[in-house]
Protein backbone atom coordinates (compact mmCIF):
# COMPACT_ATOMS: atom_id res chain seq x y z
CA UNK A 1 23.31 -22.73 -14.42
CA UNK A 2 24.84 -20.17 -16.51
CA UNK A 3 23.62 -16.53 -16.24
CA UNK A 4 21.94 -15.16 -19.33
CA UNK A 5 24.00 -12.65 -20.90
CA UNK A 6 21.38 -9.75 -20.72
CA UNK A 7 21.41 -10.44 -16.83
CA UNK A 8 24.97 -9.84 -16.51
CA UNK A 9 24.93 -6.91 -18.61
CA UNK A 10 22.22 -5.52 -16.41
CA UNK A 11 23.17 -2.95 -13.83
CA UNK A 12 22.96 -4.46 -10.24
CA UNK A 13 20.62 -1.86 -9.01
CA UNK A 14 18.27 -2.25 -11.96
CA UNK A 15 18.37 -6.15 -11.46
CA UNK A 16 17.85 -5.97 -7.61
CA UNK A 17 14.59 -3.95 -8.37
CA UNK A 18 13.48 -5.97 -11.19
CA UNK A 19 13.70 -9.31 -8.88
CA UNK A 20 12.06 -7.53 -6.08
CA UNK A 21 9.15 -6.37 -8.56
CA UNK A 22 8.78 -9.69 -10.06
CA UNK A 23 8.55 -11.45 -6.77
CA UNK A 24 6.19 -9.06 -5.05
CA UNK A 25 3.93 -9.75 -8.13
CA UNK A 26 3.77 -13.29 -7.65
CA UNK A 27 2.84 -12.79 -3.98
CA UNK A 28 0.16 -10.39 -4.37
CA UNK A 29 -1.35 -12.24 -7.45
CA UNK A 30 -1.77 -15.54 -4.99
CA UNK A 31 0.31 -17.47 -7.44
CA UNK A 32 2.23 -18.78 -4.71
CA UNK A 33 0.84 -20.93 -1.91
CA UNK A 34 1.35 -20.63 1.78
CA UNK A 35 3.05 -24.08 1.96
CA UNK A 36 5.67 -22.86 -0.75
CA UNK A 37 9.21 -22.30 0.69
CA UNK A 38 10.66 -19.21 -0.89
CA UNK A 39 14.07 -20.72 -1.41
CA UNK A 40 16.99 -18.63 -2.73
CA UNK A 41 18.48 -21.40 -4.74
CA UNK A 42 15.13 -22.35 -6.51
CA UNK A 43 14.12 -18.71 -7.06
CA UNK A 44 17.36 -17.69 -8.44
CA UNK A 45 17.14 -20.43 -11.01
CA UNK A 46 13.47 -19.51 -11.87
CA UNK A 47 14.40 -15.91 -12.37
CA UNK A 48 17.79 -16.43 -14.13
CA UNK A 49 19.96 -14.64 -11.68
CA UNK A 50 22.14 -14.89 -8.90
CA UNK A 51 21.24 -15.85 -4.87
CA UNK A 52 22.25 -11.95 -4.28
CA UNK A 53 19.43 -10.11 -5.79
CA UNK A 54 16.82 -12.78 -4.57
CA UNK A 55 18.20 -12.54 -0.73
CA UNK A 56 17.91 -8.78 -0.98
CA UNK A 57 14.49 -9.10 -2.58
CA UNK A 58 13.32 -11.58 0.04
CA UNK A 59 14.76 -9.12 2.99
CA UNK A 60 12.28 -6.28 1.19
CA UNK A 61 9.10 -8.21 0.91
CA UNK A 62 10.01 -9.36 4.53
CA UNK A 63 10.08 -5.64 5.49
CA UNK A 64 6.78 -4.99 3.69
CA UNK A 65 5.21 -7.51 5.88
CA UNK A 66 4.22 -9.85 2.76
CA UNK A 67 6.48 -12.81 3.53
CA UNK A 68 7.26 -14.03 6.90
CA UNK A 69 10.57 -15.74 8.26
CA UNK A 70 10.16 -19.35 9.54
CA UNK A 71 12.61 -21.88 10.79
CA UNK A 72 13.67 -23.13 7.44
CA UNK A 73 13.25 -20.01 5.06
CA UNK A 74 10.71 -17.59 3.86
CA UNK A 75 6.90 -18.20 3.25
CA UNK A 76 4.21 -15.89 1.93
CA UNK A 77 2.20 -14.16 4.58
CA UNK A 78 -1.43 -15.12 4.80
CA UNK A 79 -3.79 -12.21 5.09
CA UNK A 80 -5.76 -12.11 8.43
CA UNK A 81 -9.11 -10.98 6.95
CA UNK A 82 -11.00 -10.52 10.30
CA UNK A 83 -8.02 -8.69 11.64
CA UNK A 84 -7.73 -6.45 8.69
CA UNK A 85 -11.38 -5.50 8.93
CA UNK A 86 -11.00 -4.63 12.62
CA UNK A 87 -8.22 -2.34 11.44
CA UNK A 88 -9.69 -0.65 9.19
CA UNK A 89 -12.53 0.19 11.23
CA UNK A 90 -9.96 1.74 13.48
CA UNK A 91 -8.38 3.49 10.60
CA UNK A 92 -11.60 5.16 9.36
CA UNK A 93 -12.09 6.05 13.00
CA UNK A 94 -8.93 8.06 13.20
CA UNK A 95 -9.36 9.30 9.56
CA UNK A 96 -12.62 10.86 10.31
CA UNK A 97 -11.73 12.15 13.53
CA UNK A 98 -9.47 14.63 12.07
CA UNK A 99 -12.35 16.41 10.30
CA UNK A 100 -14.64 15.93 13.04
CA UNK A 101 -12.61 17.63 15.74
CA UNK A 102 -12.50 20.80 13.45
CA UNK A 103 -16.35 20.68 13.11
CA UNK A 104 -16.90 20.46 16.80
CA UNK A 105 -14.76 23.29 17.84
CA UNK A 106 -14.99 26.61 15.86
CA UNK A 107 -11.61 27.62 17.11
CA UNK A 108 -9.99 25.08 15.37
CA UNK A 109 -8.67 25.44 11.63
CA UNK A 110 -6.93 22.92 9.16
CA UNK A 111 -3.46 23.92 8.23
CA UNK A 112 -3.91 25.44 5.05
CA UNK A 113 -0.04 25.61 4.22
CA UNK A 114 -0.04 21.72 4.24
CA UNK A 115 -3.24 21.41 2.66
CA UNK A 116 -2.33 23.56 -0.32
CA UNK A 117 1.10 21.74 -0.77
CA UNK A 118 -0.84 18.35 -0.84
CA UNK A 119 -3.41 19.75 -3.46
CA UNK A 120 -0.33 20.86 -5.42
CA UNK A 121 1.25 17.53 -5.11
CA UNK A 122 -1.85 15.50 -6.06
CA UNK A 123 -2.70 17.86 -8.93
CA UNK A 124 0.76 16.93 -10.29
CA UNK A 125 0.08 13.34 -10.04
CA UNK A 126 -3.34 13.89 -12.00
CA UNK A 127 -1.47 15.55 -14.87
CA UNK A 128 0.84 12.67 -15.04
CA UNK A 129 -0.41 9.46 -13.23
CA UNK A 130 2.01 6.68 -12.39
CA UNK A 131 1.48 3.37 -13.58
CA UNK A 132 -0.26 1.00 -11.25
CA UNK A 133 2.22 -0.26 -8.65
CA UNK A 134 1.65 -1.52 -4.77
CA UNK A 135 4.33 0.98 -3.84
CA UNK A 136 1.84 3.67 -4.62
CA UNK A 137 0.65 2.79 -1.17
CA UNK A 138 3.45 5.01 0.41
CA UNK A 139 2.38 7.92 -1.53
CA UNK A 140 -1.28 7.21 -0.16
CA UNK A 141 -0.11 6.95 3.80
CA UNK A 142 1.71 10.08 3.12
CA UNK A 143 -1.40 11.93 2.00
CA UNK A 144 -3.60 10.61 4.93
CA UNK A 145 -0.93 11.18 7.60
CA UNK A 146 -0.54 15.01 6.02
CA UNK A 147 -4.45 15.45 6.18
CA UNK A 148 -4.43 14.19 9.72
CA UNK A 149 -1.59 16.58 10.75
CA UNK A 150 -3.44 19.54 9.49
CA UNK A 151 -6.20 18.93 12.12
CA UNK A 152 -3.52 19.64 14.80
CA UNK A 153 -3.68 16.58 17.00
CA UNK A 154 -0.30 14.97 16.72
CA UNK A 155 -1.19 11.93 18.76
CA UNK A 156 -4.27 11.29 16.42
CA UNK A 157 -1.78 11.33 13.46
CA UNK A 158 0.86 8.93 15.22
CA UNK A 159 -2.14 6.44 15.75
CA UNK A 160 -2.96 6.56 12.15
CA UNK A 161 0.47 6.19 10.88
CA UNK A 162 0.80 3.10 13.02
CA UNK A 163 -2.40 1.48 11.79
CA UNK A 164 -1.47 2.32 8.26
CA UNK A 165 1.95 0.34 8.80
CA UNK A 166 0.00 -2.55 9.93
CA UNK A 167 -2.39 -2.66 6.96
CA UNK A 168 0.19 -1.86 4.53
CA UNK A 169 0.87 -5.52 3.55
CA UNK A 170 -2.65 -5.89 2.40
CA UNK A 171 -3.50 -2.18 1.16
CA UNK A 172 -0.93 -2.71 -1.55
CA UNK A 173 -3.74 -4.92 -3.20
CA UNK A 174 -5.60 -1.32 -3.64
CA UNK A 175 -3.45 -0.27 -6.21
CA UNK A 176 -3.03 -2.90 -8.62
CA UNK A 177 -5.31 -1.36 -11.61
CA UNK A 178 -5.18 2.10 -13.36
CA UNK A 179 -8.66 2.89 -12.21
CA UNK A 180 -7.46 2.82 -8.20
CA UNK A 181 -4.81 4.92 -9.03
CA UNK A 182 -6.70 7.47 -10.95
CA UNK A 183 -9.69 7.22 -8.61
CA UNK A 184 -7.38 7.87 -5.66
CA UNK A 185 -5.68 10.82 -6.85
CA UNK A 186 -9.09 12.40 -7.76
CA UNK A 187 -10.76 11.53 -4.42
CA UNK A 188 -7.73 13.06 -2.80
CA UNK A 189 -7.78 16.27 -4.84
CA UNK A 190 -11.71 16.50 -4.17
CA UNK A 191 -11.12 16.11 -0.06
CA UNK A 192 -8.61 18.82 0.02
CA UNK A 193 -10.57 21.26 -2.15
CA UNK A 194 -13.38 20.78 -0.03
CA UNK A 195 -11.23 21.44 3.03
CA UNK A 196 -9.65 24.44 1.83
CA UNK A 197 -13.27 25.64 0.70
CA UNK A 198 -14.48 25.23 4.29
CA UNK A 199 -16.91 22.47 3.48
CA UNK A 200 -16.08 20.45 6.25
CA UNK A 201 -19.69 18.18 6.25
CA UNK A 202 -19.00 17.51 2.74
CA UNK A 203 -15.22 16.69 3.14
CA UNK A 204 -16.02 14.45 6.10
CA UNK A 205 -18.51 12.59 3.70
CA UNK A 206 -15.82 12.26 1.16
CA UNK A 207 -13.36 11.08 3.31
CA UNK A 208 -15.55 8.60 4.78
CA UNK A 209 -16.69 7.35 1.29
CA UNK A 210 -13.04 7.40 0.08
CA UNK A 211 -11.56 5.32 2.89
CA UNK A 212 -14.65 2.89 2.71
CA UNK A 213 -14.15 2.04 -0.64
CA UNK A 214 -10.47 1.19 -0.30
CA UNK A 215 -11.42 -0.95 2.26
CA UNK A 216 -13.89 -2.74 0.04
CA UNK A 217 -11.44 -3.18 -2.79
CA UNK A 218 -8.63 -4.32 -0.42
CA UNK A 219 -10.75 -7.02 1.22
CA UNK A 220 -11.90 -8.19 -2.01
CA UNK A 221 -8.67 -8.66 -3.78
CA UNK A 222 -7.08 -9.78 -0.62
CA UNK A 223 -9.53 -12.59 -0.76
CA UNK A 224 -9.29 -13.40 -4.18
CA UNK A 225 -5.48 -13.75 -3.58
CA UNK A 226 -6.04 -16.46 -0.83
CA UNK A 227 -8.39 -18.17 -3.12
CA UNK A 228 -5.76 -18.43 -5.84
CA UNK A 229 -3.28 -19.55 -2.83
CA UNK A 230 -5.50 -22.26 -2.33
CA UNK A 231 -6.09 -23.29 -6.07
CA UNK A 232 -2.65 -23.04 -7.36
CA UNK A 233 -0.09 -25.80 -7.11
CA UNK A 234 3.30 -24.64 -6.13
CA UNK A 235 4.80 -22.50 -9.03
CA UNK A 236 8.08 -21.36 -7.77
């Protein structure tokens, strides 16, 4: 098949990113069934590109945990919702412990330098919010890791980072709409401001509500994607 002129003129880096974003959207939407083999040739024809950017996109999706490699190729990773709920419960426990330990020990304080830096970063994002995109999960993970670090327990933070990495592939579902991006930014700012003001009990409650709301959104959207996978015929 001849490659379209616009594709031939498109910079290689832009083409790689475009193919990755297109395939990621297909996977997250549930339009690709678990039984569909993500073959390079078929995908390249579908997207009007060569096999190279498709191969690179599949490798990135595999790194994201959104596709898995089997003996005869790549397939969509099916979210394990019971496991996800268990891991989210662990995440909530780790997140809240960072604030609880400071509440319990008057000799402990949160690192105000890190908190202030996070506040400035998220205020800039509120002034110019990014478009909805699953990769926003990386910014969100950075915030929660920084928040945990301010409590001073490095082992706690390492455990949180590990859990967040394990649930990243489904947490991407949390950032597909504008309202979730804006609410996440606002809630992050609110939590940091409460901590800087020394309102630890209120910050604890705000963080609990924030993480809990994220869990419900992720579970609902992951379930919806599973339903779409079951309903759709192979589209790629």
